[in-house]
Amino acid sequence: MNLDGRRIRMVMELRRLGVTDPRVLGAMERCPREDFLSSAWIDQAYDDRPLPIGHEQTISQPSIVGHMLQALDLHPNHRVLEIGVGSGYQTALLSSLSRAVYGIERIKILLDNAEKRLLDLGVRNAFLRWSDGGLGWPEAAPYDRIIAAATADDLPGALADQLKPGGIIVLPIKEAGGDQNIWRVSRHENGFRTESVCKAPFVPLLSGVVSSEYREGA
């Protein structure tokens, strides 16, 4: 089966696993996940598993990406803050579902590679920054939606402050015992309301930035 066929099969599997938002499924059917991987992993591009992208980072498995995007409840006029650009795959999906994406990545070479991939795909509404994700991007705030691909110990205050009233944050949070649970956090007049999405392991949300030599496929 060629990659296009595998992508369609992936979308069918996502629907079976509970990702039913037609806009999310359509975006994932159109986006070539293989373009965000090194050549060593292309044959596994549409398997439902995380894959390495270097620097001990991974591209998240499709079902987790789908569930997180669905929980985000994106609209075409939304401005989105993304914490953890990584390969740029989720950034590409967000860009097709919203008006503008502001993506932060702490590892410089991953950010540079993601920016090139997005430009090659014709993405023009994603703005990327090399920075500490826990600080957010205050100059462009407030945001309608915020999504993080790294686990925090709690909802970071800087991100909560940059969310519009009525906005939604989707992020993994480490719980007692070490489990990681993805939460949908909605901002209301009286505070924040939380709702569990699913369990999934992510790398930790770390402070600071990294500038180091990158080897493709490392």
Protein backbone atom coordinates (compact mmCIF):
# COMPACT_ATOMS: atom_id res chain seq x y z
CA MET A 1 0.00 0.00 0.00
CA ASN A 2 1.38 3.44 -0.92
CA LEU A 3 1.62 6.31 1.55
CA ASP A 4 -1.61 7.94 0.37
CA GLY A 5 -3.45 4.70 1.00
CA ARG A 6 -1.85 4.35 4.43
CA ARG A 7 -2.90 7.91 5.28
CA ILE A 8 -6.52 7.11 4.42
CA ARG A 9 -6.33 3.93 6.50
CA MET A 10 -4.91 5.99 9.39
CA VAL A 11 -7.89 8.35 9.20
CA MET A 12 -10.30 5.41 9.28
CA GLU A 13 -8.52 4.11 12.38
CA LEU A 14 -8.69 7.54 14.02
CA ARG A 15 -12.44 7.56 13.52
CA ARG A 16 -12.67 4.13 15.15
CA LEU A 17 -10.66 5.44 18.11
CA GLY A 18 -13.06 8.33 18.69
CA VAL A 19 -11.66 11.18 16.62
CA THR A 20 -14.84 12.23 14.81
CA ASP A 21 -14.39 15.95 14.11
CA PRO A 22 -14.58 16.14 10.28
CA ARG A 23 -12.27 19.16 10.10
CA VAL A 24 -9.58 17.42 12.15
CA LEU A 25 -9.88 14.22 10.12
CA GLY A 26 -9.76 16.19 6.88
CA ALA A 27 -6.63 18.06 7.95
CA MET A 28 -4.90 14.82 8.94
CA GLU A 29 -5.88 13.17 5.68
CA ARG A 30 -4.38 16.03 3.69
CA CYS A 31 -1.16 16.50 5.68
CA PRO A 32 1.81 14.32 4.60
CA ARG A 33 3.23 13.10 7.94
CA GLU A 34 6.14 11.52 6.09
CA ASP A 35 7.44 14.99 5.21
CA PHE A 36 8.16 15.57 8.90
CA LEU A 37 10.28 12.44 9.37
CA SER A 38 13.76 11.35 8.37
CA SER A 39 13.97 8.80 5.56
CA ALA A 40 14.58 5.97 8.05
CA TRP A 41 11.04 6.28 9.41
CA ILE A 42 8.95 7.05 6.33
CA ASP A 43 7.61 3.49 6.02
CA GLN A 44 6.11 3.88 9.51
CA ALA A 45 4.73 7.36 8.96
CA TYR A 46 1.08 6.29 9.32
CA ASP A 47 1.46 3.76 12.10
CA ASP A 48 -0.27 4.87 15.29
CA ARG A 49 2.93 5.36 17.24
CA PRO A 50 5.35 8.16 18.14
CA LEU A 51 8.51 8.29 16.04
CA PRO A 52 11.92 9.85 16.79
CA ILE A 53 12.84 13.24 15.33
CA GLY A 54 16.19 13.71 17.12
CA HIS A 55 17.33 15.25 20.42
CA GLU A 56 15.31 12.64 22.34
CA GLN A 57 12.11 14.15 20.94
CA THR A 58 9.33 12.44 19.01
CA ILE A 59 6.51 13.22 16.63
CA SER A 60 3.37 12.28 18.56
CA GLN A 61 1.28 9.32 17.50
CA PRO A 62 -1.62 10.27 15.20
CA SER A 63 -4.40 9.22 17.59
CA ILE A 64 -3.05 11.48 20.35
CA VAL A 65 -2.68 14.39 17.93
CA GLY A 66 -6.22 13.81 16.71
CA HIS A 67 -7.72 13.69 20.19
CA MET A 68 -5.86 16.83 21.27
CA LEU A 69 -6.91 18.79 18.19
CA GLN A 70 -10.49 17.64 18.62
CA ALA A 71 -10.46 18.74 22.27
CA LEU A 72 -9.13 22.13 21.19
CA ASP A 73 -12.38 22.80 19.26
CA LEU A 74 -10.71 25.00 16.67
CA HIS A 75 -12.50 27.56 14.51
CA PRO A 76 -11.09 29.15 11.32
CA ASN A 77 -10.77 32.60 12.95
CA HIS A 78 -8.80 31.39 15.99
CA ARG A 79 -5.28 32.44 16.93
CA VAL A 80 -3.40 29.51 18.47
CA LEU A 81 -0.29 29.29 20.65
CA GLU A 82 1.58 25.99 20.24
CA ILE A 83 4.15 24.92 22.84
CA GLY A 84 6.61 22.41 21.41
CA VAL A 85 6.78 22.70 17.62
CA GLY A 86 9.04 19.66 17.28
CA SER A 87 8.98 18.43 13.69
CA GLY A 88 6.29 20.94 12.68
CA TYR A 89 3.64 18.28 11.92
CA GLN A 90 1.10 19.50 14.45
CA THR A 91 1.89 23.09 13.46
CA ALA A 92 0.93 22.27 9.88
CA LEU A 93 -2.37 20.76 11.06
CA LEU A 94 -3.10 23.76 13.29
CA SER A 95 -2.37 26.15 10.43
CA SER A 96 -5.03 24.51 8.27
CA LEU A 97 -7.61 24.68 11.06
CA SER A 98 -7.07 28.23 12.34
CA ARG A 99 -6.24 31.79 11.29
CA ALA A 100 -2.74 31.95 12.76
CA VAL A 101 -0.39 29.72 14.75
CA TYR A 102 2.34 31.02 17.06
CA GLY A 103 4.71 28.11 17.65
CA ILE A 104 7.47 27.92 20.27
CA GLU A 105 10.30 25.38 20.27
CA ARG A 106 13.23 25.35 22.74
CA ILE A 107 15.61 23.28 20.53
CA LYS A 108 16.91 25.61 17.85
CA ILE A 109 17.75 23.11 15.13
CA LEU A 110 14.36 21.42 15.42
CA LEU A 111 12.74 24.81 15.01
CA ASP A 112 14.87 25.60 11.94
CA ASN A 113 14.02 22.26 10.33
CA ALA A 114 10.31 22.68 11.09
CA GLU A 115 10.30 26.17 9.60
CA LYS A 116 11.82 24.88 6.36
CA ARG A 117 9.31 22.03 6.10
CA LEU A 118 6.38 24.37 6.65
CA LEU A 119 7.62 26.81 4.03
CA ASP A 120 8.12 23.94 1.56
CA LEU A 121 4.48 22.95 2.16
CA GLY A 122 3.30 26.50 1.53
CA VAL A 123 2.27 27.25 5.13
CA ARG A 124 2.21 31.01 5.54
CA ASN A 125 0.16 31.57 8.70
CA ALA A 126 2.56 29.93 11.17
CA PHE A 127 4.99 32.15 13.09
CA LEU A 128 7.78 30.34 14.94
CA ARG A 129 9.98 31.38 17.84
CA TRP A 130 13.01 29.84 19.58
CA SER A 131 12.15 30.27 23.24
CA ASP A 132 11.16 28.74 26.56
CA GLY A 133 7.66 27.34 26.01
CA GLY A 134 6.63 27.80 29.62
CA LEU A 135 6.84 31.56 29.14
CA GLY A 136 4.46 31.57 26.18
CA TRP A 137 4.57 34.40 23.65
CA PRO A 138 3.17 37.41 25.54
CA GLU A 139 3.73 39.93 22.74
CA ALA A 140 1.19 38.16 20.53
CA ALA A 141 -1.29 37.35 23.31
CA PRO A 142 -4.12 36.83 24.03
CA TYR A 143 -4.88 33.55 22.26
CA ASP A 144 -8.14 31.78 21.55
CA ARG A 145 -6.48 28.39 21.97
CA ILE A 146 -3.24 27.04 23.46
CA ILE A 147 -1.86 23.53 22.96
CA ALA A 148 1.26 22.00 24.52
CA ALA A 149 3.16 18.87 23.48
CA ALA A 150 5.13 18.64 26.75
CA THR A 151 4.06 17.61 30.22
CA ALA A 152 3.78 20.21 32.97
CA ASP A 153 3.42 19.62 36.70
CA ASP A 154 0.48 22.03 36.69
CA LEU A 155 -1.12 24.60 34.39
CA PRO A 156 1.68 27.13 33.77
CA GLY A 157 0.59 30.55 35.01
CA ALA A 158 2.10 32.39 32.03
CA LEU A 159 0.03 30.31 29.61
CA ALA A 160 -3.15 30.75 31.64
CA ASP A 161 -2.59 34.51 31.63
CA GLN A 162 -2.24 34.55 27.82
CA LEU A 163 -5.54 32.75 27.18
CA LYS A 164 -8.62 34.76 26.22
CA PRO A 165 -11.78 34.48 28.33
CA GLY A 166 -13.74 31.61 26.80
CA GLY A 167 -10.50 30.11 25.47
CA ILE A 168 -9.22 26.55 25.78
CA ILE A 169 -5.85 25.06 26.68
CA VAL A 170 -5.08 21.40 25.90
CA LEU A 171 -1.97 20.01 27.57
CA PRO A 172 -0.60 16.95 29.39
CA ILE A 173 -0.15 17.28 33.16
CA LYS A 174 1.83 14.94 35.39
CA GLU A 175 -0.29 13.45 38.14
CA ALA A 176 0.49 11.85 41.49
CA GLY A 177 2.10 8.50 40.87
CA GLY A 178 3.77 9.66 37.66
CA ASP A 179 0.91 9.15 35.21
CA GLN A 180 0.38 11.76 32.51
CA ASN A 181 -3.12 12.82 31.61
CA ILE A 182 -4.10 15.22 28.82
CA TRP A 183 -6.48 17.90 30.08
CA ARG A 184 -8.81 20.34 28.37
CA VAL A 185 -8.81 23.53 30.44
CA SER A 186 -11.47 26.13 29.64
CA ARG A 187 -11.29 29.69 30.92
CA HIS A 188 -14.52 31.11 32.30
CA GLU A 189 -15.50 34.24 34.21
CA ASN A 190 -15.18 32.42 37.52
CA GLY A 191 -11.91 30.64 36.77
CA PHE A 192 -10.87 27.48 34.93
CA ARG A 193 -12.81 24.30 34.27
CA THR A 194 -10.91 21.06 33.56
CA GLU A 195 -11.91 17.97 31.64
CA SER A 196 -9.85 14.83 31.04
CA VAL A 197 -9.14 13.95 27.39
CA CYS A 198 -6.97 10.83 27.54
CA LYS A 199 -3.74 9.44 28.94
CA ALA A 200 -0.52 9.73 26.96
CA PRO A 201 3.21 10.03 27.68
CA PHE A 202 5.02 13.21 26.63
CA VAL A 203 8.46 14.68 27.20
CA PRO A 204 8.58 17.11 30.17
CA LEU A 205 8.07 20.85 29.74
CA LEU A 206 11.58 22.15 30.41
CA SER A 207 12.78 25.69 30.96
CA GLY A 208 15.48 27.37 28.92
CA VAL A 209 16.56 26.80 25.33
CA VAL A 210 18.94 24.43 23.54
CA SER A 211 21.31 25.30 20.73
CA SER A 212 23.32 22.26 19.68
CA GLU A 213 24.43 20.41 16.61
CA TYR A 214 21.75 18.15 15.19
CA ARG A 215 22.26 14.93 13.28
CA GLU A 216 19.32 13.86 11.09
CA GLY A 217 17.76 10.72 12.50
CA ALA A 218 19.58 11.04 15.84
